[in-house]
N, C-alpha and C. Protein backbone atom coordinates (compact mmCIF):
# COMPACT_ATOMS: atom_id res chain seq x y z
N MET A 1 0.86 -1.17 -0.01
CA MET A 1 0.02 -0.01 0.02
C MET A 1 0.91 1.23 0.00
N THR A 2 0.62 2.15 -0.95
CA THR A 2 1.39 3.34 -1.02
C THR A 2 0.97 4.32 0.13
N ASP A 3 1.86 5.28 0.36
CA ASP A 3 1.51 6.31 1.34
C ASP A 3 0.29 7.14 0.91
N HIS A 4 0.14 7.34 -0.38
CA HIS A 4 -1.08 8.03 -0.93
C HIS A 4 -2.30 7.21 -0.62
N GLN A 5 -2.30 5.89 -0.90
CA GLN A 5 -3.47 5.07 -0.59
C GLN A 5 -3.74 5.02 0.85
N TRP A 6 -2.71 4.95 1.72
CA TRP A 6 -2.95 4.98 3.17
C TRP A 6 -3.64 6.27 3.59
N GLU A 7 -3.15 7.37 3.11
CA GLU A 7 -3.74 8.66 3.46
C GLU A 7 -5.20 8.71 2.96
N GLU A 8 -5.44 8.23 1.79
CA GLU A 8 -6.84 8.23 1.31
C GLU A 8 -7.75 7.39 2.15
N TRP A 9 -7.30 6.19 2.57
CA TRP A 9 -8.17 5.37 3.44
C TRP A 9 -8.30 5.98 4.79
N THR A 10 -7.28 6.45 5.40
CA THR A 10 -7.37 6.95 6.79
C THR A 10 -8.26 8.22 6.78
N THR A 11 -8.17 9.01 5.77
CA THR A 11 -9.07 10.19 5.61
C THR A 11 -10.52 9.72 5.50
N PHE A 12 -10.72 8.74 4.60
CA PHE A 12 -12.08 8.18 4.43
C PHE A 12 -12.65 7.60 5.68
N HIS A 13 -11.87 6.72 6.41
CA HIS A 13 -12.34 6.16 7.60
C HIS A 13 -12.60 7.17 8.72
N GLY A 14 -11.66 8.08 8.89
CA GLY A 14 -11.82 9.14 9.90
C GLY A 14 -13.01 10.01 9.66
N ASP A 15 -13.24 10.37 8.38
CA ASP A 15 -14.42 11.21 8.05
C ASP A 15 -15.71 10.45 8.28
N LEU A 16 -15.65 9.19 7.86
CA LEU A 16 -16.85 8.34 7.94
C LEU A 16 -17.38 8.24 9.40
N PHE A 17 -16.41 8.12 10.32
CA PHE A 17 -16.79 7.90 11.72
C PHE A 17 -16.63 9.19 12.55
N ARG A 18 -16.26 10.27 11.86
CA ARG A 18 -16.09 11.58 12.58
C ARG A 18 -15.05 11.49 13.71
N TRP A 19 -13.98 10.88 13.38
CA TRP A 19 -12.89 10.74 14.39
C TRP A 19 -12.14 12.07 14.54
N ASN A 20 -11.63 12.30 15.78
CA ASN A 20 -10.84 13.46 16.08
C ASN A 20 -9.34 13.14 15.85
N ASP A 21 -8.50 14.07 16.10
CA ASP A 21 -7.08 13.89 15.82
C ASP A 21 -6.47 12.74 16.68
N ALA A 22 -6.88 12.60 17.88
CA ALA A 22 -6.35 11.54 18.70
C ALA A 22 -6.80 10.18 18.11
N ASP A 23 -8.01 10.10 17.64
CA ASP A 23 -8.47 8.86 17.09
C ASP A 23 -7.69 8.54 15.82
N MET A 24 -7.40 9.55 15.05
CA MET A 24 -6.68 9.40 13.83
C MET A 24 -5.25 8.88 14.00
N LYS A 25 -4.68 9.19 15.15
CA LYS A 25 -3.31 8.73 15.43
C LYS A 25 -3.35 7.21 15.65
N MET A 26 -4.46 6.70 16.13
CA MET A 26 -4.63 5.26 16.33
C MET A 26 -4.48 4.49 15.02
N LEU A 27 -4.95 5.10 13.91
CA LEU A 27 -4.85 4.48 12.61
C LEU A 27 -3.36 4.24 12.23
N ASP A 28 -2.53 5.15 12.56
CA ASP A 28 -1.13 4.98 12.21
C ASP A 28 -0.51 3.78 12.97
N ILE A 29 -1.01 3.55 14.16
CA ILE A 29 -0.56 2.37 14.93
C ILE A 29 -0.98 1.11 14.25
N TRP A 30 -2.13 1.12 13.62
CA TRP A 30 -2.66 -0.06 12.88
C TRP A 30 -1.97 -0.39 11.59
N ARG A 31 -1.22 0.57 11.05
CA ARG A 31 -0.71 0.48 9.66
C ARG A 31 0.14 -0.83 9.52
N GLU A 32 1.01 -1.11 10.44
CA GLU A 32 1.86 -2.24 10.31
C GLU A 32 1.05 -3.58 10.20
N THR A 33 0.05 -3.65 10.97
CA THR A 33 -0.82 -4.86 10.90
C THR A 33 -1.58 -4.91 9.61
N ILE A 34 -2.10 -3.83 9.18
CA ILE A 34 -2.84 -3.78 7.91
C ILE A 34 -1.96 -4.15 6.74
N VAL A 35 -0.75 -3.60 6.71
CA VAL A 35 0.20 -3.91 5.66
C VAL A 35 0.60 -5.34 5.73
N ALA A 36 0.86 -5.89 6.91
CA ALA A 36 1.21 -7.32 7.09
C ALA A 36 0.13 -8.29 6.52
N HIS A 37 -1.08 -7.82 6.59
CA HIS A 37 -2.22 -8.62 6.05
C HIS A 37 -2.42 -8.34 4.52
N GLY A 38 -1.62 -7.47 4.01
CA GLY A 38 -1.67 -7.23 2.54
C GLY A 38 -2.96 -6.65 2.07
N MET A 39 -3.58 -5.86 2.91
CA MET A 39 -4.90 -5.27 2.57
C MET A 39 -4.78 -4.19 1.54
N THR A 40 -5.74 -4.14 0.67
CA THR A 40 -5.74 -3.17 -0.38
C THR A 40 -6.60 -1.98 -0.04
N LEU A 41 -6.49 -0.87 -0.72
CA LEU A 41 -7.35 0.25 -0.51
C LEU A 41 -8.86 -0.12 -0.66
N ASP A 42 -9.14 -0.86 -1.71
CA ASP A 42 -10.54 -1.34 -1.88
C ASP A 42 -11.03 -2.15 -0.75
N GLU A 43 -10.23 -3.05 -0.25
CA GLU A 43 -10.66 -3.91 0.86
C GLU A 43 -10.87 -3.06 2.10
N LEU A 44 -9.98 -2.17 2.41
CA LEU A 44 -10.17 -1.32 3.58
C LEU A 44 -11.33 -0.42 3.49
N THR A 45 -11.59 0.14 2.31
CA THR A 45 -12.75 1.03 2.14
C THR A 45 -14.03 0.19 2.28
N ALA A 46 -14.11 -0.99 1.72
CA ALA A 46 -15.25 -1.86 1.84
C ALA A 46 -15.48 -2.23 3.36
N ALA A 47 -14.42 -2.53 4.04
CA ALA A 47 -14.51 -2.87 5.48
C ALA A 47 -15.06 -1.69 6.30
N SER A 48 -14.51 -0.52 5.97
CA SER A 48 -15.02 0.68 6.76
C SER A 48 -16.46 0.91 6.50
N ARG A 49 -16.92 0.74 5.22
CA ARG A 49 -18.35 0.88 4.91
C ARG A 49 -19.17 -0.14 5.61
N HIS A 50 -18.69 -1.37 5.67
CA HIS A 50 -19.37 -2.44 6.30
C HIS A 50 -19.62 -2.09 7.78
N ILE A 51 -18.57 -1.64 8.45
CA ILE A 51 -18.71 -1.32 9.86
C ILE A 51 -19.73 -0.17 10.06
N ALA A 52 -19.65 0.82 9.20
CA ALA A 52 -20.60 1.97 9.24
C ALA A 52 -22.04 1.48 9.05
N GLU A 53 -22.29 0.59 8.12
CA GLU A 53 -23.59 0.11 7.76
C GLU A 53 -24.17 -0.86 8.71
N HIS A 54 -23.30 -1.76 9.26
CA HIS A 54 -23.78 -2.93 10.04
C HIS A 54 -23.41 -2.95 11.53
N ASP A 55 -22.42 -2.12 11.89
CA ASP A 55 -21.99 -2.17 13.30
C ASP A 55 -21.42 -0.82 13.72
N ALA A 56 -22.13 0.25 13.41
CA ALA A 56 -21.64 1.60 13.68
C ALA A 56 -21.41 1.87 15.13
N LYS A 57 -22.02 1.16 16.01
CA LYS A 57 -21.83 1.42 17.44
C LYS A 57 -20.55 0.75 17.99
N LYS A 58 -19.88 0.07 17.20
CA LYS A 58 -18.61 -0.55 17.57
C LYS A 58 -17.65 0.48 18.14
N PHE A 59 -16.95 0.16 19.26
CA PHE A 59 -15.98 1.07 19.79
C PHE A 59 -14.86 1.26 18.83
N ARG A 60 -14.24 2.40 18.80
CA ARG A 60 -13.15 2.73 17.90
C ARG A 60 -12.03 1.69 18.03
N THR A 61 -11.74 1.28 19.24
CA THR A 61 -10.71 0.36 19.47
C THR A 61 -11.00 -1.01 18.91
N GLU A 62 -12.25 -1.27 18.56
CA GLU A 62 -12.63 -2.58 17.95
C GLU A 62 -12.64 -2.55 16.43
N HIS A 63 -12.40 -1.44 15.82
CA HIS A 63 -12.45 -1.30 14.36
C HIS A 63 -11.39 -2.15 13.70
N LEU A 64 -10.18 -2.19 14.23
CA LEU A 64 -9.14 -2.96 13.58
C LEU A 64 -9.52 -4.44 13.46
N GLN A 65 -9.94 -4.97 14.55
CA GLN A 65 -10.33 -6.39 14.50
C GLN A 65 -11.53 -6.60 13.54
N ALA A 66 -12.45 -5.70 13.52
CA ALA A 66 -13.55 -5.78 12.61
C ALA A 66 -13.13 -5.67 11.13
N ILE A 67 -12.16 -4.84 10.87
CA ILE A 67 -11.60 -4.71 9.52
C ILE A 67 -10.90 -6.00 9.12
N ILE A 68 -10.06 -6.55 9.98
CA ILE A 68 -9.38 -7.78 9.73
C ILE A 68 -10.38 -8.90 9.36
N HIS A 69 -11.37 -9.02 10.24
CA HIS A 69 -12.43 -10.07 10.09
C HIS A 69 -13.17 -9.93 8.74
N HIS A 70 -13.58 -8.67 8.45
CA HIS A 70 -14.35 -8.43 7.24
C HIS A 70 -13.51 -8.78 5.98
N VAL A 71 -12.27 -8.30 5.99
CA VAL A 71 -11.37 -8.59 4.79
C VAL A 71 -11.16 -10.11 4.68
N ALA A 72 -10.91 -10.81 5.77
CA ALA A 72 -10.67 -12.24 5.70
C ALA A 72 -11.88 -12.97 5.22
N ALA A 73 -13.08 -12.53 5.71
CA ALA A 73 -14.32 -13.19 5.24
C ALA A 73 -14.58 -12.96 3.78
N ARG A 74 -14.30 -11.78 3.30
CA ARG A 74 -14.52 -11.47 1.86
C ARG A 74 -13.51 -12.27 0.99
N ARG A 75 -12.31 -12.38 1.47
CA ARG A 75 -11.29 -13.13 0.72
C ARG A 75 -11.66 -14.62 0.68
N LEU A 76 -12.17 -15.15 1.77
CA LEU A 76 -12.54 -16.51 1.82
C LEU A 76 -13.75 -16.75 0.88
N ALA A 77 -14.73 -15.87 0.89
CA ALA A 77 -15.89 -16.00 0.05
C ALA A 77 -15.43 -16.01 -1.44
N LYS A 78 -14.54 -15.10 -1.77
CA LYS A 78 -14.05 -14.95 -3.15
C LYS A 78 -13.32 -16.26 -3.54
N HIS A 79 -12.48 -16.78 -2.66
CA HIS A 79 -11.72 -18.00 -2.89
C HIS A 79 -12.67 -19.18 -3.14
N ARG A 80 -13.71 -19.29 -2.28
CA ARG A 80 -14.67 -20.39 -2.43
C ARG A 80 -15.39 -20.29 -3.76
N ALA A 81 -15.78 -19.12 -4.16
CA ALA A 81 -16.50 -18.94 -5.44
C ALA A 81 -15.60 -19.31 -6.59
N GLU A 82 -14.34 -18.93 -6.49
CA GLU A 82 -13.38 -19.29 -7.57
C GLU A 82 -13.21 -20.81 -7.64
N CYS A 83 -13.11 -21.44 -6.50
CA CYS A 83 -12.95 -22.99 -6.50
C CYS A 83 -14.21 -23.61 -7.05
N GLU A 84 -15.34 -23.15 -6.69
CA GLU A 84 -16.62 -23.72 -7.20
C GLU A 84 -16.68 -23.49 -8.73
N GLN A 85 -16.30 -22.34 -9.16
CA GLN A 85 -16.31 -22.06 -10.62
C GLN A 85 -15.35 -23.05 -11.35
N ARG A 86 -14.15 -23.22 -10.79
CA ARG A 86 -13.14 -24.13 -11.39
C ARG A 86 -13.74 -25.57 -11.49
N ASP A 87 -14.44 -25.93 -10.35
CA ASP A 87 -15.03 -27.29 -10.36
C ASP A 87 -16.10 -27.43 -11.42
N ARG A 88 -16.92 -26.37 -11.56
CA ARG A 88 -17.95 -26.39 -12.63
C ARG A 88 -17.28 -26.42 -13.97
N ASP A 89 -16.27 -25.65 -14.20
CA ASP A 89 -15.58 -25.61 -15.53
C ASP A 89 -14.91 -26.92 -15.79
N ALA A 90 -14.38 -27.57 -14.76
CA ALA A 90 -13.72 -28.93 -15.00
C ALA A 90 -14.74 -29.98 -15.30
N GLY A 91 -15.98 -29.76 -14.88
CA GLY A 91 -17.04 -30.78 -15.12
C GLY A 91 -17.63 -30.66 -16.49
N ASP A 92 -17.32 -29.57 -17.15
CA ASP A 92 -17.90 -29.35 -18.56
C ASP A 92 -17.25 -30.26 -19.57
């Protein structure tokens, strides 16, 4: 993830949840974990939207775990769909 992408996502997430400067500093602490998981800007944005739409009352300190969980679940669903498609294609 580039610095520009990181800035884009942190601004999006912070604006979405109306975080203050102290809250925004927490995002920088998360960066190493997010990069280690290889998360993309699209995945992070989708995870932020998911939290806002489905669990907006989640504490700020719980957002990182929710983001990790959401991204992992979406990746697993995509992988399963690809495997099922391969199986169908192999059966043709």
